[in-house]
């Protein structure tokens, strides 16, 4: 059982935490802050804001919305031109 748990932990670390932890360690080494805990907490909050899957989904949906709005506006313009031409 311990080997299975270790494998599960290793996979979790690799798939969910490694990139974030490497970036945090790099930021700590670059900045070398006096208050490591405070720096780390602030850094993690910022990282989460920038990598929040829900925020990424919201941005994707907004981009789709903007695309459809542009398409709607173009079609409305074409329709108005057709209506003017038919009169």
PDB file of N, CA and C in Angstrom:
ATOM      1  N   UNK A   1       0.809  -1.211   0.000  1.00  0.00           N
ATOM      2  CA  UNK A   1       0.000   0.000   0.000  1.00  0.00           C
ATOM      3  C   UNK A   1       0.845   1.264   0.000  1.00  0.00           C
ATOM      4  N   UNK A   2       1.947   1.331   0.761  1.00  0.00           N
ATOM      5  CA  UNK A   2       2.758   2.560   0.750  1.00  0.00           C
ATOM      6  C   UNK A   2       3.308   2.883  -0.641  1.00  0.00           C
ATOM      7  N   UNK A   3       3.638   1.875  -1.423  1.00  0.00           N
ATOM      8  CA  UNK A   3       4.156   2.130  -2.770  1.00  0.00           C
ATOM      9  C   UNK A   3       3.072   2.743  -3.655  1.00  0.00           C
ATOM     10  N   UNK A   4       1.846   2.285  -3.492  1.00  0.00           N
ATOM     11  CA  UNK A   4       0.733   2.822  -4.267  1.00  0.00           C
ATOM     12  C   UNK A   4       0.495   4.275  -3.866  1.00  0.00           C
ATOM     13  N   UNK A   5       0.508   4.543  -2.571  1.00  0.00           N
ATOM     14  CA  UNK A   5       0.305   5.914  -2.087  1.00  0.00           C
ATOM     15  C   UNK A   5       1.412   6.819  -2.601  1.00  0.00           C
ATOM     16  N   UNK A   6       2.642   6.339  -2.575  1.00  0.00           N
ATOM     17  CA  UNK A   6       3.761   7.139  -3.061  1.00  0.00           C
ATOM     18  C   UNK A   6       3.603   7.451  -4.537  1.00  0.00           C
ATOM     19  N   UNK A   7       3.146   6.493  -5.307  1.00  0.00           N
ATOM     20  CA  UNK A   7       2.938   6.721  -6.734  1.00  0.00           C
ATOM     21  C   UNK A   7       1.822   7.737  -6.965  1.00  0.00           C
ATOM     22  N   UNK A   8       0.766   7.651  -6.181  1.00  0.00           N
ATOM     23  CA  UNK A   8      -0.347   8.600  -6.301  1.00  0.00           C
ATOM     24  C   UNK A   8       0.131   9.998  -5.951  1.00  0.00           C
ATOM     25  N   UNK A   9       0.908  10.103  -4.863  1.00  0.00           N
ATOM     26  CA  UNK A   9       1.433  11.410  -4.459  1.00  0.00           C
ATOM     27  C   UNK A   9       2.361  11.974  -5.522  1.00  0.00           C
ATOM     28  N   UNK A  10       3.206  11.135  -6.065  1.00  0.00           N
ATOM     29  CA  UNK A  10       4.154  11.582  -7.086  1.00  0.00           C
ATOM     30  C   UNK A  10       3.423  12.082  -8.328  1.00  0.00           C
ATOM     31  N   UNK A  11       2.389  11.347  -8.735  1.00  0.00           N
ATOM     32  CA  UNK A  11       1.627  11.781  -9.903  1.00  0.00           C
ATOM     33  C   UNK A  11       0.924  13.113  -9.625  1.00  0.00           C
ATOM     34  N   UNK A  12       0.369  13.259  -8.420  1.00  0.00           N
ATOM     35  CA  UNK A  12      -0.308  14.509  -8.060  1.00  0.00           C
ATOM     36  C   UNK A  12       0.683  15.671  -8.075  1.00  0.00           C
ATOM     37  N   UNK A  13       1.843  15.460  -7.466  1.00  0.00           N
ATOM     38  CA  UNK A  13       2.859  16.510  -7.463  1.00  0.00           C
ATOM     39  C   UNK A  13       3.263  16.889  -8.886  1.00  0.00           C
ATOM     40  N   UNK A  14       3.472  15.902  -9.712  1.00  0.00           N
ATOM     41  CA  UNK A  14       3.918  16.143 -11.083  1.00  0.00           C
ATOM     42  C   UNK A  14       2.845  16.847 -11.904  1.00  0.00           C
ATOM     43  N   UNK A  15       1.608  16.394 -11.800  1.00  0.00           N
ATOM     44  CA  UNK A  15       0.566  16.936 -12.672  1.00  0.00           C
ATOM     45  C   UNK A  15      -0.038  18.235 -12.157  1.00  0.00           C
ATOM     46  N   UNK A  16      -0.029  18.460 -10.858  1.00  0.00           N
ATOM     47  CA  UNK A  16      -0.734  19.613 -10.315  1.00  0.00           C
ATOM     48  C   UNK A  16       0.145  20.670  -9.660  1.00  0.00           C
ATOM     49  N   UNK A  17       1.309  20.286  -9.203  1.00  0.00           N
ATOM     50  CA  UNK A  17       2.064  21.234  -8.393  1.00  0.00           C
ATOM     51  C   UNK A  17       3.447  21.616  -8.929  1.00  0.00           C
ATOM     52  N   UNK A  18       4.066  20.768  -9.714  1.00  0.00           N
ATOM     53  CA  UNK A  18       5.453  20.997 -10.086  1.00  0.00           C
ATOM     54  C   UNK A  18       5.669  22.348 -10.765  1.00  0.00           C
ATOM     55  N   UNK A  19       4.863  22.689 -11.742  1.00  0.00           N
ATOM     56  CA  UNK A  19       5.089  23.943 -12.472  1.00  0.00           C
ATOM     57  C   UNK A  19       4.916  25.152 -11.553  1.00  0.00           C
ATOM     58  N   UNK A  20       3.926  25.083 -10.666  1.00  0.00           N
ATOM     59  CA  UNK A  20       3.702  26.185  -9.739  1.00  0.00           C
ATOM     60  C   UNK A  20       4.838  26.290  -8.727  1.00  0.00           C
ATOM     61  N   UNK A  21       5.261  25.164  -8.175  1.00  0.00           N
ATOM     62  CA  UNK A  21       6.333  25.190  -7.188  1.00  0.00           C
ATOM     63  C   UNK A  21       7.661  25.644  -7.799  1.00  0.00           C
ATOM     64  N   UNK A  22       7.939  25.200  -9.010  1.00  0.00           N
ATOM     65  CA  UNK A  22       9.174  25.641  -9.667  1.00  0.00           C
ATOM     66  C   UNK A  22       9.166  27.144  -9.898  1.00  0.00           C
ATOM     67  N   UNK A  23       8.024  27.676 -10.313  1.00  0.00           N
ATOM     68  CA  UNK A  23       7.927  29.118 -10.535  1.00  0.00           C
ATOM     69  C   UNK A  23       8.050  29.880  -9.220  1.00  0.00           C
ATOM     70  N   UNK A  24       7.477  29.360  -8.138  1.00  0.00           N
ATOM     71  CA  UNK A  24       7.577  30.001  -6.828  1.00  0.00           C
ATOM     72  C   UNK A  24       9.024  30.008  -6.348  1.00  0.00           C
ATOM     73  N   UNK A  25       9.690  28.884  -6.450  1.00  0.00           N
ATOM     74  CA  UNK A  25      11.088  28.811  -6.023  1.00  0.00           C
ATOM     75  C   UNK A  25      11.942  29.772  -6.843  1.00  0.00           C
ATOM     76  N   UNK A  26      11.699  29.839  -8.143  1.00  0.00           N
ATOM     77  CA  UNK A  26      12.447  30.771  -8.993  1.00  0.00           C
ATOM     78  C   UNK A  26      12.216  32.219  -8.548  1.00  0.00           C
ATOM     79  N   UNK A  27      10.970  32.567  -8.256  1.00  0.00           N
ATOM     80  CA  UNK A  27      10.662  33.928  -7.794  1.00  0.00           C
ATOM     81  C   UNK A  27      11.324  34.210  -6.450  1.00  0.00           C
ATOM     82  N   UNK A  28      11.334  33.229  -5.564  1.00  0.00           N
ATOM     83  CA  UNK A  28      11.995  33.403  -4.271  1.00  0.00           C
ATOM     84  C   UNK A  28      13.497  33.613  -4.442  1.00  0.00           C
ATOM     85  N   UNK A  29      14.107  32.841  -5.317  1.00  0.00           N
ATOM     86  CA  UNK A  29      15.554  32.979  -5.525  1.00  0.00           C
ATOM     87  C   UNK A  29      15.902  34.317  -6.165  1.00  0.00           C
ATOM     88  N   UNK A  30      15.062  34.773  -7.098  1.00  0.00           N
ATOM     89  CA  UNK A  30      15.315  36.072  -7.732  1.00  0.00           C
ATOM     90  C   UNK A  30      15.149  37.223  -6.750  1.00  0.00           C
ATOM     91  N   UNK A  31      14.092  37.167  -5.954  1.00  0.00           N
ATOM     92  CA  UNK A  31      13.753  38.284  -5.074  1.00  0.00           C
ATOM     93  C   UNK A  31      14.462  38.220  -3.720  1.00  0.00           C
ATOM     94  N   UNK A  32      14.711  37.028  -3.248  1.00  0.00           N
ATOM     95  CA  UNK A  32      15.317  36.810  -1.940  1.00  0.00           C
ATOM     96  C   UNK A  32      14.687  37.713  -0.879  1.00  0.00           C
ATOM     97  N   UNK A  33      13.373  37.576  -0.670  1.00  0.00           N
ATOM     98  CA  UNK A  33      12.673  38.461   0.267  1.00  0.00           C
ATOM     99  C   UNK A  33      13.031  38.134   1.716  1.00  0.00           C
ATOM    100  N   UNK A  34      12.948  39.132   2.570  1.00  0.00           N
ATOM    101  CA  UNK A  34      13.145  38.927   4.006  1.00  0.00           C
ATOM    102  C   UNK A  34      11.967  38.133   4.574  1.00  0.00           C
ATOM    103  N   UNK A  35      10.767  38.483   4.151  1.00  0.00           N
ATOM    104  CA  UNK A  35       9.545  37.833   4.621  1.00  0.00           C
ATOM    105  C   UNK A  35       9.134  36.770   3.605  1.00  0.00           C
ATOM    106  N   UNK A  36       9.716  35.593   3.722  1.00  0.00           N
ATOM    107  CA  UNK A  36       9.476  34.520   2.754  1.00  0.00           C
ATOM    108  C   UNK A  36       8.013  34.095   2.763  1.00  0.00           C
ATOM    109  N   UNK A  37       7.424  33.973   3.947  1.00  0.00           N
ATOM    110  CA  UNK A  37       6.035  33.520   4.032  1.00  0.00           C
ATOM    111  C   UNK A  37       5.094  34.532   3.387  1.00  0.00           C
ATOM    112  N   UNK A  38       5.268  35.802   3.705  1.00  0.00           N
ATOM    113  CA  UNK A  38       4.416  36.840   3.120  1.00  0.00           C
ATOM    114  C   UNK A  38       4.586  36.931   1.616  1.00  0.00           C
ATOM    115  N   UNK A  39       5.841  36.894   1.163  1.00  0.00           N
ATOM    116  CA  UNK A  39       6.120  36.929  -0.277  1.00  0.00           C
ATOM    117  C   UNK A  39       5.454  35.741  -0.961  1.00  0.00           C
ATOM    118  N   UNK A  40       5.605  34.557  -0.363  1.00  0.00           N
ATOM    119  CA  UNK A  40       5.043  33.343  -0.962  1.00  0.00           C
ATOM    120  C   UNK A  40       3.528  33.409  -1.015  1.00  0.00           C
ATOM    121  N   UNK A  41       2.909  33.904   0.056  1.00  0.00           N
ATOM    122  CA  UNK A  41       1.450  34.008   0.072  1.00  0.00           C
ATOM    123  C   UNK A  41       0.967  34.966  -1.014  1.00  0.00           C
ATOM    124  N   UNK A  42       1.597  36.120  -1.132  1.00  0.00           N
ATOM    125  CA  UNK A  42       1.208  37.086  -2.168  1.00  0.00           C
ATOM    126  C   UNK A  42       1.456  36.523  -3.559  1.00  0.00           C
ATOM    127  N   UNK A  43       2.586  35.853  -3.733  1.00  0.00           N
ATOM    128  CA  UNK A  43       2.922  35.274  -5.030  1.00  0.00           C
ATOM    129  C   UNK A  43       1.894  34.214  -5.417  1.00  0.00           C
ATOM    130  N   UNK A  44       1.510  33.370  -4.452  1.00  0.00           N
ATOM    131  CA  UNK A  44       0.541  32.315  -4.736  1.00  0.00           C
ATOM    132  C   UNK A  44      -0.829  32.897  -5.087  1.00  0.00           C
ATOM    133  N   UNK A  45      -1.228  33.967  -4.399  1.00  0.00           N
ATOM    134  CA  UNK A  45      -2.498  34.620  -4.752  1.00  0.00           C
ATOM    135  C   UNK A  45      -2.468  35.133  -6.183  1.00  0.00           C
ATOM    136  N   UNK A  46      -1.377  35.783  -6.570  1.00  0.00           N
ATOM    137  CA  UNK A  46      -1.246  36.305  -7.926  1.00  0.00           C
ATOM    138  C   UNK A  46      -1.211  35.169  -8.946  1.00  0.00           C
ATOM    139  N   UNK A  47      -0.475  34.122  -8.643  1.00  0.00           N
ATOM    140  CA  UNK A  47      -0.377  32.974  -9.552  1.00  0.00           C
ATOM    141  C   UNK A  47      -1.761  32.364  -9.761  1.00  0.00           C
ATOM    142  N   UNK A  48      -2.511  32.237  -8.664  1.00  0.00           N
ATOM    143  CA  UNK A  48      -3.846  31.645  -8.782  1.00  0.00           C
ATOM    144  C   UNK A  48      -4.751  32.513  -9.658  1.00  0.00           C
ATOM    145  N   UNK A  49      -4.666  33.825  -9.509  1.00  0.00           N
ATOM    146  CA  UNK A  49      -5.474  34.721 -10.347  1.00  0.00           C
ATOM    147  C   UNK A  49      -5.141  34.547 -11.819  1.00  0.00           C
ATOM    148  N   UNK A  50      -3.861  34.377 -12.111  1.00  0.00           N
ATOM    149  CA  UNK A  50      -3.423  34.259 -13.504  1.00  0.00           C
ATOM    150  C   UNK A  50      -3.655  32.875 -14.090  1.00  0.00           C
ATOM    151  N   UNK A  51      -3.813  31.861 -13.250  1.00  0.00           N
ATOM    152  CA  UNK A  51      -3.952  30.484 -13.739  1.00  0.00           C
ATOM    153  C   UNK A  51      -5.265  29.832 -13.320  1.00  0.00           C
ATOM    154  N   UNK A  52      -6.223  30.629 -12.928  1.00  0.00           N
ATOM    155  CA  UNK A  52      -7.513  30.100 -12.502  1.00  0.00           C
ATOM    156  C   UNK A  52      -8.263  29.552 -13.704  1.00  0.00           C
ATOM    157  N   UNK A  53      -8.566  28.252 -13.715  1.00  0.00           N
ATOM    158  CA  UNK A  53      -9.268  27.677 -14.874  1.00  0.00           C
ATOM    159  C   UNK A  53     -10.616  28.340 -15.136  1.00  0.00           C
ATOM    160  N   UNK A  54     -11.312  28.743 -14.090  1.00  0.00           N
ATOM    161  CA  UNK A  54     -12.598  29.399 -14.291  1.00  0.00           C
ATOM    162  C   UNK A  54     -12.417  30.741 -14.985  1.00  0.00           C
ATOM    163  N   UNK A  55     -11.374  31.473 -14.607  1.00  0.00           N
ATOM    164  CA  UNK A  55     -11.110  32.755 -15.249  1.00  0.00           C
ATOM    165  C   UNK A  55     -10.759  32.551 -16.717  1.00  0.00           C
ATOM    166  N   UNK A  56      -9.991  31.515 -17.007  1.00  0.00           N
ATOM    167  CA  UNK A  56      -9.653  31.218 -18.396  1.00  0.00           C
ATOM    168  C   UNK A  56     -10.914  30.878 -19.186  1.00  0.00           C
ATOM    169  N   UNK A  57     -11.828  30.149 -18.577  1.00  0.00           N
ATOM    170  CA  UNK A  57     -13.089  29.813 -19.250  1.00  0.00           C
ATOM    171  C   UNK A  57     -13.918  31.073 -19.485  1.00  0.00           C
ATOM    172  N   UNK A  58     -13.930  31.964 -18.504  1.00  0.00           N
ATOM    173  CA  UNK A  58     -14.661  33.227 -18.652  1.00  0.00           C
ATOM    174  C   UNK A  58     -14.080  34.035 -19.805  1.00  0.00           C
ATOM    175  N   UNK A  59     -12.756  34.111 -19.883  1.00  0.00           N
ATOM    176  CA  UNK A  59     -12.121  34.856 -20.973  1.00  0.00           C
ATOM    177  C   UNK A  59     -12.440  34.230 -22.326  1.00  0.00           C
ATOM    178  N   UNK A  60     -12.469  32.911 -22.386  1.00  0.00           N
ATOM    179  CA  UNK A  60     -12.808  32.215 -23.632  1.00  0.00           C
ATOM    180  C   UNK A  60     -14.241  32.543 -24.041  1.00  0.00           C
ATOM    181  N   UNK A  61     -15.148  32.492 -23.072  1.00  0.00           N
ATOM    182  CA  UNK A  61     -16.550  32.795 -23.370  1.00  0.00           C
ATOM    183  C   UNK A  61     -16.733  34.251 -23.790  1.00  0.00           C
ATOM    184  N   UNK A  62     -16.004  35.161 -23.175  1.00  0.00           N
ATOM    185  CA  UNK A  62     -16.091  36.565 -23.576  1.00  0.00           C
ATOM    186  C   UNK A  62     -15.593  36.762 -25.001  1.00  0.00           C
ATOM    187  N   UNK A  63     -14.519  36.059 -25.354  1.00  0.00           N
ATOM    188  CA  UNK A  63     -13.995  36.167 -26.717  1.00  0.00           C
ATOM    189  C   UNK A  63     -15.022  35.634 -27.716  1.00  0.00           C
ATOM    190  N   UNK A  64     -15.665  34.525 -27.373  1.00  0.00           N
ATOM    191  CA  UNK A  64     -16.711  33.982 -28.250  1.00  0.00           C
ATOM    192  C   UNK A  64     -17.865  34.961 -28.370  1.00  0.00           C
ATOM    193  N   UNK A  65     -18.268  35.554 -27.251  1.00  0.00           N
ATOM    194  CA  UNK A  65     -19.350  36.539 -27.256  1.00  0.00           C
ATOM    195  C   UNK A  65     -19.001  37.706 -28.172  1.00  0.00           C
ATOM    196  N   UNK A  66     -17.779  38.208 -28.047  1.00  0.00           N
ATOM    197  CA  UNK A  66     -17.360  39.339 -28.876  1.00  0.00           C
ATOM    198  C   UNK A  66     -17.360  38.971 -30.350  1.00  0.00           C
ATOM    199  N   UNK A  67     -16.931  37.744 -30.659  1.00  0.00           N
ATOM    200  CA  UNK A  67     -16.932  37.267 -32.045  1.00  0.00           C
ATOM    201  C   UNK A  67     -18.367  37.253 -32.593  1.00  0.00           C
ATOM    202  N   UNK A  68     -19.289  36.722 -31.816  1.00  0.00           N
ATOM    203  CA  UNK A  68     -20.677  36.647 -32.276  1.00  0.00           C
ATOM    204  C   UNK A  68     -21.323  38.022 -32.381  1.00  0.00           C
ATOM    205  N   UNK A  69     -20.934  38.934 -31.506  1.00  0.00           N
ATOM    206  CA  UNK A  69     -21.453  40.301 -31.616  1.00  0.00           C
ATOM    207  C   UNK A  69     -20.989  40.957 -32.915  1.00  0.00           C
ATOM    208  N   UNK A  70     -19.733  40.774 -33.258  1.00  0.00           N
ATOM    209  CA  UNK A  70     -19.221  41.326 -34.511  1.00  0.00           C
ATOM    210  C   UNK A  70     -19.937  40.707 -35.704  1.00  0.00           C
ATOM    211  N   UNK A  71     -20.115  39.399 -35.636  1.00  0.00           N
ATOM    212  CA  UNK A  71     -20.818  38.705 -36.721  1.00  0.00           C
ATOM    213  C   UNK A  71     -22.252  39.219 -36.838  1.00  0.00           C
ATOM    214  N   UNK A  72     -22.920  39.402 -35.709  1.00  0.00           N
ATOM    215  CA  UNK A  72     -24.282  39.939 -35.702  1.00  0.00           C
ATOM    216  C   UNK A  72     -24.326  41.322 -36.333  1.00  0.00           C
ATOM    217  N   UNK A  73     -23.380  42.180 -35.940  1.00  0.00           N
ATOM    218  CA  UNK A  73     -23.359  43.544 -36.467  1.00  0.00           C
ATOM    219  C   UNK A  73     -23.145  43.555 -37.978  1.00  0.00           C
ATOM    220  N   UNK A  74     -22.244  42.696 -38.464  1.00  0.00           N
ATOM    221  CA  UNK A  74     -22.005  42.616 -39.906  1.00  0.00           C
ATOM    222  C   UNK A  74     -23.255  42.151 -40.640  1.00  0.00           C
ATOM    223  N   UNK A  75     -23.916  41.149 -40.088  1.00  0.00           N
ATOM    224  CA  UNK A  75     -25.133  40.641 -40.727  1.00  0.00           C
ATOM    225  C   UNK A  75     -26.241  41.686 -40.713  1.00  0.00           C
ATOM    226  N   UNK A  76     -26.349  42.449 -39.625  1.00  0.00           N
ATOM    227  CA  UNK A  76     -27.340  43.517 -39.571  1.00  0.00           C
ATOM    228  C   UNK A  76     -27.059  44.583 -40.628  1.00  0.00           C
ATOM    229  N   UNK A  77     -25.795  44.913 -40.815  1.00  0.00           N
ATOM    230  CA  UNK A  77     -25.428  45.889 -41.849  1.00  0.00           C
ATOM    231  C   UNK A  77     -25.789  45.372 -43.232  1.00  0.00           C
ATOM    232  N   UNK A  78     -25.497  44.108 -43.503  1.00  0.00           N
ATOM    233  CA  UNK A  78     -25.838  43.512 -44.793  1.00  0.00           C
ATOM    234  C   UNK A  78     -27.347  43.513 -45.009  1.00  0.00           C
ATOM    235  N   UNK A  79     -28.089  43.200 -43.970  1.00  0.00           N
ATOM    236  CA  UNK A  79     -29.542  43.185 -44.069  1.00  0.00           C
ATOM    237  C   UNK A  79     -30.082  44.587 -44.377  1.00  0.00           C
ATOM    238  N   UNK A  80     -29.547  45.579 -43.709  1.00  0.00           N
ATOM    239  CA  UNK A  80     -29.985  46.950 -43.963  1.00  0.00           C
ATOM    240  C   UNK A  80     -29.675  47.377 -45.390  1.00  0.00           C
ATOM    241  N   UNK A  81     -28.498  46.992 -45.894  1.00  0.00           N
ATOM    242  CA  UNK A  81     -28.142  47.309 -47.285  1.00  0.00           C
ATOM    243  C   UNK A  81     -29.096  46.627 -48.248  1.00  0.00           C
ATOM    244  N   UNK A  82     -29.426  45.366 -47.998  1.00  0.00           N
ATOM    245  CA  UNK A  82     -30.360  44.636 -48.854  1.00  0.00           C
ATOM    246  C   UNK A  82     -31.747  45.285 -48.825  1.00  0.00           C
ATOM    247  N   UNK A  83     -32.174  45.717 -47.655  1.00  0.00           N
ATOM    248  CA  UNK A  83     -33.481  46.350 -47.535  1.00  0.00           C
ATOM    249  C   UNK A  83     -33.500  47.695 -48.260  1.00  0.00           C
ATOM    250  N   UNK A  84     -32.393  48.446 -48.182  1.00  0.00           N
ATOM    251  CA  UNK A  84     -32.318  49.721 -48.898  1.00  0.00           C
ATOM    252  C   UNK A  84     -32.321  49.492 -50.403  1.00  0.00           C
ATOM    253  N   UNK A  85     -31.636  48.444 -50.833  1.00  0.00           N
ATOM    254  CA  UNK A  85     -31.585  48.131 -52.258  1.00  0.00           C
ATOM    255  C   UNK A  85     -32.913  47.649 -52.810  1.00  0.00           C
ATOM    256  N   UNK A  86     -33.717  47.030 -51.972  1.00  0.00           N
ATOM    257  CA  UNK A  86     -35.010  46.518 -52.413  1.00  0.00           C
ATOM    258  C   UNK A  86     -36.059  47.619 -52.498  1.00  0.00           C
ATOM    259  N   UNK A  87     -35.806  48.750 -51.884  1.00  0.00           N
ATOM    260  CA  UNK A  87     -36.804  49.829 -51.887  1.00  0.00           C
ATOM    261  C   UNK A  87     -36.701  50.613 -53.112  1.00  0.00           C
TER     262      UNK A  87
END
